[in-house]
Amino acid sequence: MIKFLLAIVLVAFFSCKKDGVNNTNRKLYSISISNSSNLFITSDKSGNKLYGLRSKSLINKSASISASNNSRDSEVFEVKYYDDLGEEIVKSNPTQIFNLTNYIILVFDNFEAYFVSKRDEKVFEIPLRYLPHYVENKYTYLSQYLNTIDKIQEDGNNNIYYTTYESSSPHKKTLYKVSLSNSSLLQYEEVSAVNDDINGFCVDVNGNISYGYRDNKTQEYKYRYRKADGSFVSPNFPSQSNYNRVWIGTDGNMYGIQSNVEGNIHHKNSYFGKIENGIFSKIKLINMDLNDWKFGEVFKVKGQLFHAYYDYNPNKLFNISNEHDYAEISCAVEPNYVINDDLYYFDKVKFILTLINIKNGSTSHVFDLDENQLGNFDIDKILKVSIDGVVFSGVDLSNGQYVVSTLDINNELIKREVISGEIKTFIALN
């Protein structure tokens, strides 16, 4: 009888080891994201899955750099999850991914989130009360802080800043600083004033913060400045919509743009200035009209910052790097990609790639792919654009499957990988 029970125990033990990939109760320790250039989440009726896009030649350490940039070299893989013994476990329904300098933040739908180290793939769980709050609409009133489209920022001291949301009364958003100097012990510090409901913020390299908020007592929208030492300063710029562009320049200083409303008239120009200790100092009058819908993205290229503005004919690029490099540059196209530290416009319908000269706004043709090759695909997302081609997701109309495919520079269509469903969110890691 003892031998029989022992045999049952051994069978059960080895069965658990064999089927361990189906065990969802084991604690997450690491995930397989090494060498990834992009991460994306798919969704179908069975749930969400996390995938990565990586260069096969990067896995082969002897491969050349030029080979790793080739779109034909890309491969799609489903991200795997591991426990502390290195055994695969099941995690279901990832919902959001955020890209930081040394980490990503991965969020699941069961109120579970992690910091994931890009260096060693280890994860660090975020407590429930400190889950990041994400607002997809970047045009929310007083949220137009140019460095904060995803509402997560970093300072120069390895600290990360984001807002959380209280689901119970008073239903406000709170700004936290997360210290990652000791990854095994994350530290959270509330850095917004206790009654402030945060709508947008900007953090410089030293940890000084400018943020917009709703006063829960008066219901008015206002601005506040918190110095790195923890003290608060009442800023000298006006409330409401007269001041809603704030960013960190390439020199580490905080800059802003304020509408020109002299004489109680909304003018088509604005004031460009610097923010120090909460004080906005005007530098010059610029040809920018602060209407949200006119603005494109902010791009970092060759160590400089460019803000796209598309209400002109031609469009304009604003070099907002710092007070010395500020410039307004006419450009025939609106930029939407940075590839190998150059600025490009990619036409997602015609698959045409155009290089933009950031000094004078002139353009030059890179490639014009044959979009007729895509007749059997209903394209969903453009995942990666390189000088060698385009990686995209879509439905293969011949069989109804979601796939990730590549159209290369030679107009060869390469079917890459069948994925579980439509891509809901994706990020570039480099």
Foldseek 3Di string as FASTA:
>chain_A
DVVVVVVVVVVVVVVCVVPVQADAPADWWFKPCAQFQKKFWFADPVAIFIKTKHFPVVVVVVRDPVSRQAPVRIAMDTMFTAHPVRDTYDDTHWDDWAADQQWIWIHGPVLWIWTAGNVPRTTDTDDSQPDADFDQDCVPFLAQEQVQNRQWDDAQQQKIKGWDFDPDPPGAIWIWIWHCPPVNDIDIDTQDPPQWRWRHWEAFNLGKMKTWTQRPVVRFIAIWIAGSVRDTDHAPDDGGPQWRYWYAALVRFIKTWGFDCPVNRGDQWIFIFTADRRYTDTDDIGRHRPDVVQWDHWDQAPSWIWTWGPPDQQTWIFTVRDPVPTDIAGANDTWDDAEPRFTWRADPQQRWIWTADPVHRDIDGQAGAHCVLCVQWDWAAFGDDYSFWTWTWTARNVVRFIFIWTQTRVRDIGTHDTDDRHTDDMDGHD
